[in-house]
Protein backbone atom coordinates (compact mmCIF):
# COMPACT_ATOMS: atom_id res chain seq x y z
CA MET A 1 20.80 -27.09 57.52
CA ILE A 2 21.56 -24.75 54.73
CA ASP A 3 19.43 -21.86 54.17
CA PHE A 4 18.47 -20.93 50.50
CA SER A 5 16.34 -18.24 51.47
CA ILE A 6 17.26 -14.79 49.91
CA GLU A 7 17.39 -11.90 52.15
CA ASP A 8 15.10 -9.11 52.03
CA GLU A 9 17.59 -6.17 51.06
CA THR A 10 18.75 -8.76 48.21
CA ARG A 11 15.26 -8.85 47.26
CA SER A 12 14.98 -5.53 47.12
CA GLN A 13 17.93 -4.57 45.22
CA ILE A 14 16.75 -7.51 42.64
CA ALA A 15 13.61 -5.38 42.40
CA LYS A 16 15.73 -2.64 41.35
CA VAL A 17 17.78 -4.70 38.81
CA ARG A 18 14.42 -5.62 37.18
CA GLU A 19 13.09 -1.93 37.08
CA ILE A 20 16.33 -0.69 35.66
CA SER A 21 16.09 -3.60 32.81
CA GLU A 22 12.67 -2.87 32.08
CA ALA A 23 13.83 0.47 31.32
CA GLY A 24 15.92 -0.60 28.84
CA LEU A 25 13.64 -2.94 27.28
CA LYS A 26 12.35 -0.77 24.39
CA TYR A 27 15.60 -0.79 22.86
CA SER A 28 16.12 -4.63 23.06
CA ARG A 29 14.55 -5.35 19.43
CA TYR A 30 16.14 -2.30 17.79
CA TYR A 31 19.70 -3.33 18.63
CA ASP A 32 18.90 -6.60 17.95
CA GLU A 33 18.02 -6.01 14.48
CA HIS A 34 20.65 -2.99 13.64
CA GLU A 35 23.44 -4.80 14.80
CA GLU A 36 25.78 -2.30 12.98
CA GLU A 37 24.95 0.16 15.43
CA LEU A 38 26.43 0.31 18.80
CA ALA A 39 24.23 1.18 21.98
CA PRO A 40 25.18 4.53 23.19
CA ASN A 41 27.39 4.60 26.58
CA ARG A 42 24.61 5.96 28.32
CA LEU A 43 20.83 5.91 27.46
CA PRO A 44 18.79 8.84 28.27
CA GLU A 45 16.51 6.53 31.09
CA ALA A 46 19.84 6.43 33.04
CA ASP A 47 19.14 9.89 34.49
CA ASP A 48 15.91 8.54 36.05
CA PHE A 49 17.98 5.85 38.16
CA ARG A 50 21.00 8.18 39.19
CA GLY A 51 21.86 7.58 42.58
CA ARG A 52 19.66 4.22 42.84
CA GLY A 53 22.36 1.74 42.26
CA VAL A 54 22.12 -1.73 43.55
CA ALA A 55 24.97 -2.20 45.98
CA GLY A 56 24.17 -1.65 49.61
CA ARG A 57 25.77 1.35 51.50
CA GLY A 58 29.10 0.27 52.67
CA ARG A 59 28.62 -2.88 51.15
CA ARG A 60 30.72 -4.77 48.19
CA LEU A 61 28.56 -7.02 45.84
CA THR A 62 29.34 -10.61 46.20
CA ALA A 63 29.82 -13.22 43.34
CA THR A 64 26.54 -14.50 44.40
CA ASP A 65 24.79 -11.29 44.61
CA GLU A 66 26.08 -10.61 40.88
CA ALA A 67 24.51 -14.18 39.76
CA LEU A 68 21.13 -13.28 41.26
CA PHE A 69 21.06 -9.95 39.60
CA ILE A 70 22.01 -11.32 36.15
CA PHE A 71 19.36 -14.12 36.70
CA GLU A 72 16.68 -11.24 36.77
CA ARG A 73 18.20 -8.78 34.52
CA SER A 74 18.77 -11.14 31.63
CA SER A 75 15.24 -12.67 32.20
CA VAL A 76 13.70 -8.96 31.40
CA ASP A 77 16.74 -8.64 28.56
CA GLY A 78 16.49 -4.72 28.56
CA ILE A 79 19.74 -2.86 27.02
CA PRO A 80 21.90 -1.52 29.61
CA LEU A 81 21.13 1.99 30.72
CA SER A 82 24.78 2.57 30.88
CA GLN A 83 27.97 0.55 29.77
CA GLY A 84 30.02 -0.87 32.41
CA ARG A 85 33.80 -0.51 32.82
CA ARG A 86 34.84 -4.09 33.07
CA ASP A 87 35.05 -6.62 30.38
CA MET A 88 36.32 -10.14 30.83
CA GLY A 89 40.04 -9.07 30.47
CA ASN A 90 39.56 -7.01 33.77
CA HIS A 91 39.20 -10.41 35.45
CA THR A 92 42.32 -11.74 34.08
CA LEU A 93 44.22 -8.32 35.38
CA ASP A 94 42.54 -9.15 38.80
CA ALA A 95 43.70 -12.68 38.83
CA MET A 96 47.54 -12.14 37.61
CA GLY A 97 48.65 -8.56 37.47
CA THR A 98 51.08 -7.29 39.95
CA PRO A 99 50.13 -4.78 42.26
CA GLU A 100 51.61 -2.45 40.10
CA GLN A 101 49.75 -3.37 37.08
CA LYS A 102 46.35 -3.19 38.93
CA GLU A 103 47.07 0.38 40.10
CA ARG A 104 47.78 1.63 36.56
CA PHE A 105 45.36 -0.26 34.61
CA SER A 106 42.54 -1.47 36.87
CA HIS A 107 40.30 2.00 35.61
CA LEU A 108 40.36 0.90 32.08
CA SER A 109 38.29 -1.86 30.64
CA PHE A 110 39.93 -4.95 28.94
CA THR A 111 38.42 -7.35 26.35
CA PHE A 112 39.74 -10.64 26.29
CA ALA A 113 41.56 -11.87 23.18
CA MET A 114 42.17 -15.38 22.93
CA THR A 115 40.08 -17.38 20.39
CA GLU A 116 42.01 -17.15 17.07
CA PRO A 117 40.44 -18.22 13.42
CA GLY A 118 42.41 -21.71 13.80
CA CYS A 119 42.37 -21.76 17.59
CA GLY A 120 39.05 -22.23 19.66
CA SER A 121 39.07 -25.01 22.41
CA ASP A 122 42.42 -26.11 21.54
CA THR A 123 44.29 -23.45 22.95
CA SER A 124 47.61 -25.19 22.23
CA ALA A 125 47.25 -24.37 18.46
CA LEU A 126 47.68 -20.60 19.60
CA ARG A 127 49.64 -18.85 16.63
CA THR A 128 49.81 -15.26 17.96
CA THR A 129 53.08 -14.66 18.92
CA ALA A 130 55.27 -12.40 21.24
CA GLU A 131 59.04 -11.55 20.63
CA LEU A 132 61.17 -9.79 23.17
CA HIS A 133 62.95 -6.97 21.43
CA GLY A 134 65.14 -5.18 24.41
CA ASP A 135 62.29 -3.79 26.55
CA GLU A 136 59.51 -4.29 24.38
CA TRP A 137 57.17 -7.01 23.33
CA VAL A 138 56.56 -7.47 19.66
CA LEU A 139 53.22 -9.11 18.79
CA ASN A 140 51.90 -10.55 15.65
CA GLY A 141 48.45 -12.35 15.08
CA GLU A 142 44.91 -12.29 14.96
CA LYS A 143 42.00 -12.83 17.33
CA ILE A 144 38.08 -12.99 16.58
CA PHE A 145 35.27 -13.08 18.87
CA ALA A 146 36.50 -10.45 21.44
CA SER A 147 33.45 -9.46 23.43
CA GLY A 148 33.65 -5.80 24.07
CA GLY A 149 36.42 -5.57 21.51
CA ILE A 150 34.75 -2.41 19.94
CA ARG A 151 34.53 -0.13 23.13
CA SER A 152 37.04 -1.39 25.33
CA ASP A 153 39.87 0.61 26.31
CA GLY A 154 42.59 -2.31 25.47
CA ALA A 155 42.79 -6.02 25.18
CA VAL A 156 44.28 -8.53 27.40
CA VAL A 157 45.70 -10.65 24.35
CA TRP A 158 47.20 -14.32 24.85
CA ALA A 159 50.09 -15.03 22.94
CA THR A 160 52.82 -17.55 22.94
CA ILE A 161 56.59 -16.88 23.69
CA ASP A 162 57.97 -19.85 22.48
CA ARG A 163 55.85 -21.98 19.97
CA ASP A 164 57.37 -25.25 20.70
CA ALA A 165 56.80 -24.96 24.51
CA GLY A 166 53.10 -25.56 24.23
CA ARG A 167 50.67 -24.02 26.98
CA ALA A 168 53.33 -23.37 29.54
CA ALA A 169 54.46 -20.52 26.81
CA ILE A 170 51.20 -18.63 26.69
CA LYS A 171 51.39 -15.25 28.24
CA PRO A 172 48.78 -12.61 28.73
CA PHE A 173 49.62 -9.20 27.48
CA LEU A 174 48.08 -5.98 28.31
CA VAL A 175 47.68 -3.94 24.97
CA LEU A 176 46.26 -0.55 25.20
CA ARG A 177 43.50 0.63 22.18
CA ASP A 178 46.20 3.46 20.87
CA THR A 179 49.07 1.24 20.56
CA PRO A 180 50.67 1.26 17.08
CA GLY A 181 50.08 -2.22 15.34
CA PHE A 182 46.64 -2.75 17.31
CA SER A 183 43.69 -2.63 15.20
CA VAL A 184 39.86 -3.62 14.94
CA ALA A 185 39.36 -5.25 11.66
CA SER A 186 35.61 -5.83 11.97
CA LYS A 187 32.50 -6.12 14.05
CA GLU A 188 31.58 -9.57 13.99
CA LYS A 189 27.85 -10.53 12.64
CA LYS A 190 26.25 -13.18 14.54
CA LEU A 191 23.47 -15.38 15.40
CA GLY A 192 22.42 -13.93 18.95
CA ILE A 193 23.55 -11.26 21.39
CA ARG A 194 23.83 -8.90 18.55
CA ALA A 195 23.57 -5.91 20.84
CA GLN A 196 26.95 -6.81 22.44
CA ASP A 197 29.87 -5.76 20.34
CA THR A 198 32.16 -8.44 19.64
CA ALA A 199 35.41 -7.91 17.39
CA ALA A 200 38.26 -9.31 15.44
CA LEU A 201 41.51 -7.81 16.23
CA ILE A 202 44.92 -7.68 14.40
CA PHE A 203 48.35 -7.21 15.88
CA SER A 204 50.83 -6.49 13.44
CA ASN A 205 54.55 -5.93 14.92
CA CYS A 206 52.37 -4.39 17.89
CA ARG A 207 55.06 -3.15 20.08
CA VAL A 208 54.10 -3.61 24.00
CA PRO A 209 56.27 -2.49 26.91
CA ARG A 210 57.90 -5.15 28.53
CA ASP A 211 56.31 -4.42 31.91
CA GLN A 212 52.85 -4.84 30.30
CA LEU A 213 53.48 -8.76 30.46
CA LEU A 214 50.73 -9.73 33.16
CA GLY A 215 52.31 -10.64 36.08
CA GLY A 216 55.58 -10.24 34.69
CA ASN A 217 56.69 -14.17 34.76
CA GLU A 218 58.71 -14.46 31.56
CA GLU A 219 60.03 -17.73 32.33
CA VAL A 220 58.45 -20.80 30.45
CA SER A 221 57.73 -23.78 32.73
CA ARG A 222 58.90 -26.96 31.34
CA THR A 223 56.32 -28.77 33.82
CA GLY A 224 52.38 -27.61 34.07
CA SER A 225 50.64 -24.97 32.21
CA GLY A 226 52.42 -21.94 33.15
CA GLY A 227 50.94 -18.57 32.41
CA TYR A 228 47.85 -20.50 31.04
CA ARG A 229 46.54 -20.93 34.38
CA GLY A 230 45.77 -17.40 34.56
CA ALA A 231 43.17 -17.88 32.20
CA MET A 232 41.60 -20.72 33.90
CA ALA A 233 41.59 -18.56 37.14
CA THR A 234 39.70 -16.17 34.79
CA PHE A 235 37.12 -18.76 33.61
CA ASN A 236 36.35 -19.91 37.15
CA LYS A 237 35.27 -16.43 37.78
CA THR A 238 33.43 -15.52 34.77
CA ARG A 239 31.68 -18.83 33.76
CA PRO A 240 29.04 -18.76 36.78
CA ARG A 241 28.47 -15.00 35.12
CA VAL A 242 27.78 -16.19 31.75
CA SER A 243 26.03 -19.34 32.87
CA ALA A 244 23.56 -16.99 34.75
CA VAL A 245 23.00 -14.67 31.80
CA GLY A 246 22.19 -18.03 29.74
CA ILE A 247 19.82 -19.25 32.74
CA GLY A 248 17.96 -15.73 32.75
CA HIS A 249 16.92 -15.79 29.07
CA ALA A 250 15.77 -19.34 29.80
CA LEU A 251 13.52 -17.89 32.83
CA GLY A 252 12.29 -15.24 30.63
CA CYS A 253 11.16 -17.67 28.43
CA LEU A 254 9.27 -19.65 31.18
CA ARG A 255 7.67 -16.53 32.45
CA PHE A 256 6.27 -15.29 29.24
CA CYS A 257 5.21 -18.64 28.46
CA LYS A 258 3.14 -19.19 31.57
CA GLU A 259 1.77 -15.53 31.17
CA GLU A 260 0.49 -16.63 27.80
CA LEU A 261 -1.20 -19.79 28.87
CA GLU A 262 -2.80 -17.60 31.79
CA LYS A 263 -4.28 -15.61 29.31
CA GLU A 264 -6.16 -18.64 27.52
CA GLY A 265 -7.29 -19.85 31.37
CA ILE A 266 -4.43 -22.39 31.76
CA GLU A 267 -2.22 -22.41 34.94
CA VAL A 268 0.40 -24.57 35.95
CA GLU A 269 -0.86 -26.77 39.02
CA HIS A 270 2.02 -28.39 40.72
CA GLY A 271 -0.27 -30.46 43.08
CA PRO A 272 -2.17 -33.04 40.99
CA GLY A 273 -0.04 -35.85 39.65
CA MET A 274 1.57 -35.63 35.93
CA HIS A 275 -1.44 -38.03 34.78
CA SER A 276 -3.79 -35.21 35.72
CA ARG A 277 -1.92 -32.43 33.62
CA SER A 278 -1.89 -31.48 30.18
CA ALA A 279 1.45 -32.06 27.95
CA ALA A 280 1.82 -28.18 28.11
CA GLN A 281 1.74 -27.92 32.09
CA GLN A 282 3.81 -30.81 32.58
CA MET A 283 6.50 -29.41 30.19
CA LEU A 284 6.60 -25.89 32.03
CA ILE A 285 7.10 -28.05 35.69
CA GLU A 286 9.85 -29.77 34.02
CA ILE A 287 11.41 -26.71 32.86
CA GLU A 288 10.90 -24.73 36.40
CA ALA A 289 12.84 -27.90 37.74
CA ASP A 290 15.68 -27.74 35.08
CA ILE A 291 16.07 -23.69 35.55
CA GLU A 292 16.04 -24.42 39.46
CA ALA A 293 18.71 -27.04 39.37
CA ALA A 294 20.79 -24.94 36.84
CA SER A 295 20.62 -21.65 38.99
CA LEU A 296 21.69 -23.59 42.27
CA SER A 297 24.63 -24.75 40.50
CA VAL A 298 25.62 -21.47 39.73
CA LEU A 299 25.02 -20.23 43.27
CA ARG A 300 27.13 -23.18 44.43
CA ALA A 301 30.32 -21.93 42.35
CA THR A 302 29.80 -18.38 43.28
CA THR A 303 29.36 -19.27 47.03
CA LEU A 304 32.79 -21.15 47.00
CA ALA A 305 34.27 -18.12 44.83
CA ASP A 306 33.15 -15.91 47.82
CA SER A 307 34.50 -17.68 50.59
CA GLY A 308 37.87 -17.98 48.36
CA GLN A 309 37.60 -21.75 47.87
CA PRO A 310 38.59 -23.30 44.60
CA ASN A 311 35.63 -23.66 42.28
CA SER A 312 37.13 -24.98 38.57
CA LEU A 313 34.76 -28.02 38.93
CA GLU A 314 31.65 -26.21 39.96
CA ALA A 315 32.17 -23.61 37.58
CA ALA A 316 32.52 -26.12 34.79
CA ILE A 317 29.26 -28.09 36.10
CA CYS A 318 27.23 -24.96 36.39
CA LYS A 319 28.70 -24.06 32.44
CA SER A 320 27.66 -27.40 31.24
CA LYS A 321 24.19 -27.43 33.04
CA ALA A 322 23.30 -23.56 31.85
CA GLY A 323 24.48 -24.50 28.35
CA GLU A 324 21.96 -27.25 28.12
CA ILE A 325 18.79 -25.58 29.70
CA ALA A 326 19.60 -22.09 27.69
CA ARG A 327 19.26 -24.23 24.38
CA THR A 328 16.67 -26.59 25.53
CA VAL A 329 14.11 -24.21 27.23
CA PRO A 330 13.67 -21.81 24.66
CA GLN A 331 13.06 -24.53 22.47
CA ARG A 332 10.66 -26.13 24.66
CA CYS A 333 8.79 -22.96 24.99
CA LEU A 334 8.32 -22.60 21.32
CA GLU A 335 6.81 -25.92 20.94
CA ILE A 336 4.16 -24.72 23.39
CA LEU A 337 3.55 -21.42 22.16
CA GLY A 338 3.41 -22.25 18.35
CA GLY A 339 3.50 -19.62 15.65
CA SER A 340 3.29 -16.67 18.45
CA GLY A 341 6.43 -17.81 20.12
CA LEU A 342 8.44 -17.23 16.38
CA SER A 343 6.99 -13.70 16.22
CA ARG A 344 9.20 -10.87 16.17
CA GLU A 345 6.66 -9.04 18.47
CA HIS A 346 7.97 -11.24 21.27
CA LEU A 347 11.39 -11.85 22.46
CA VAL A 348 11.32 -15.39 22.82
CA GLU A 349 12.68 -16.09 19.56
CA LYS A 350 15.40 -13.62 20.46
CA TRP A 351 16.19 -15.60 23.49
CA LEU A 352 16.52 -18.54 21.77
CA ARG A 353 19.10 -16.98 19.73
CA ASP A 354 20.88 -15.31 22.43
CA ALA A 355 20.97 -18.19 24.68
CA ARG A 356 23.02 -20.62 22.17
CA ILE A 357 26.08 -18.92 23.06
CA THR A 358 25.88 -20.18 26.13
CA ASP A 359 26.97 -23.53 25.47
CA ILE A 360 29.87 -22.32 23.34
CA TYR A 361 31.84 -19.13 24.66
CA GLU A 362 34.24 -19.26 27.48
CA GLY A 363 34.52 -23.37 27.32
CA THR A 364 31.95 -25.35 25.28
CA GLY A 365 29.70 -27.92 26.78
CA GLU A 366 32.05 -30.75 25.31
CA ILE A 367 35.29 -29.27 27.23
CA MET A 368 33.32 -28.49 30.36
CA ARG A 369 32.32 -32.33 30.49
CA LEU A 370 35.90 -33.19 29.86
CA ILE A 371 37.15 -30.83 32.85
CA ILE A 372 34.23 -32.65 34.88
CA ALA A 373 35.47 -35.97 34.16
CA ARG A 374 39.19 -34.96 34.89
CA GLN A 375 38.37 -33.94 38.24
CA ILE A 376 35.90 -36.21 39.27
CA LEU A 377 37.44 -39.45 37.63
CA GLY A 378 40.92 -38.43 37.69
CA TYR A 379 41.62 -38.92 33.89
CA SER A 380 44.18 -36.73 32.68
CA SER A 381 44.01 -34.91 29.40
CA GLU A 382 45.75 -37.48 27.34
CA GLU A 383 43.43 -40.34 28.69
CA LEU A 384 40.67 -37.76 27.34
CA ARG A 385 41.57 -37.32 23.74
């Protein structure tokens, strides 16, 4: 029998995560309304939690641990007291880098630069090029929506080394911040997740040492997706994480909504049948069930990752489910709360905006369902066009 209970040590760590996030809560609205400013790398409250990290002594956090912590952190939505040293590009370095590259660069943070003005879900339309000139790769192109692109020490830039070869010629390059020809064009202005720095990047005759092609494989495979598989390996790690963020926002909406109703003497009772409940009570029970289902799909994907098993299908399933409830739960909570839910005195309207990205970045909901269809039904990409 599968045991879904959480160990006491993990529960204690989750409580610490909540306490830390609550300490940064007072900054959330400010940086939401002042998107042009970057939150400090370290807030004063971080000193209050010095030496009180969530990792157990002698124990490395698993992907499942991280998902449980993200659920709780995002449900509170406090600004991080200290900025982490890993961005999405670091997962690509972990998945594709040679031992020498990992040793040289793992202490740095790298944004993940794939999306372009004319290239979103269809990565075969990628236009950034990399040409080999002697012992250097020369990169030219533009990237948008690079998460962490302002703060990061560099970027993992996806570029094609042969436009005629399609995805097989797409390769990742490590480009450090101070490399000539690499510049940040602008900080993106967004509907939600405004406290996160998201940047547009430009590469103009940007010369990168030959050995900074991640994995070092310069060949273009005429069969399969070549280096693009490294991007998919990255997504299999990060999709459960971003799913957990969206689910956390939905969970925060649910908790706030229940608290507000309790103030009015309305409590959710699970025992009586649906015909004995009010419409608001029934909607909250349905929301609880949706959040539970989405959370379990994330934990399924992380459990497979922790055991070293393939999880591309499960990562797509949890991303699709999380994207759906991240959109619908805040909307339903707003319907229950009425005008108070729209007030900027509370975070519900912010969660509605922040959660919308869950169904878009790192693979849209439509793309996730295509991946699921291919793996479950055995369709080819051509058959699903």
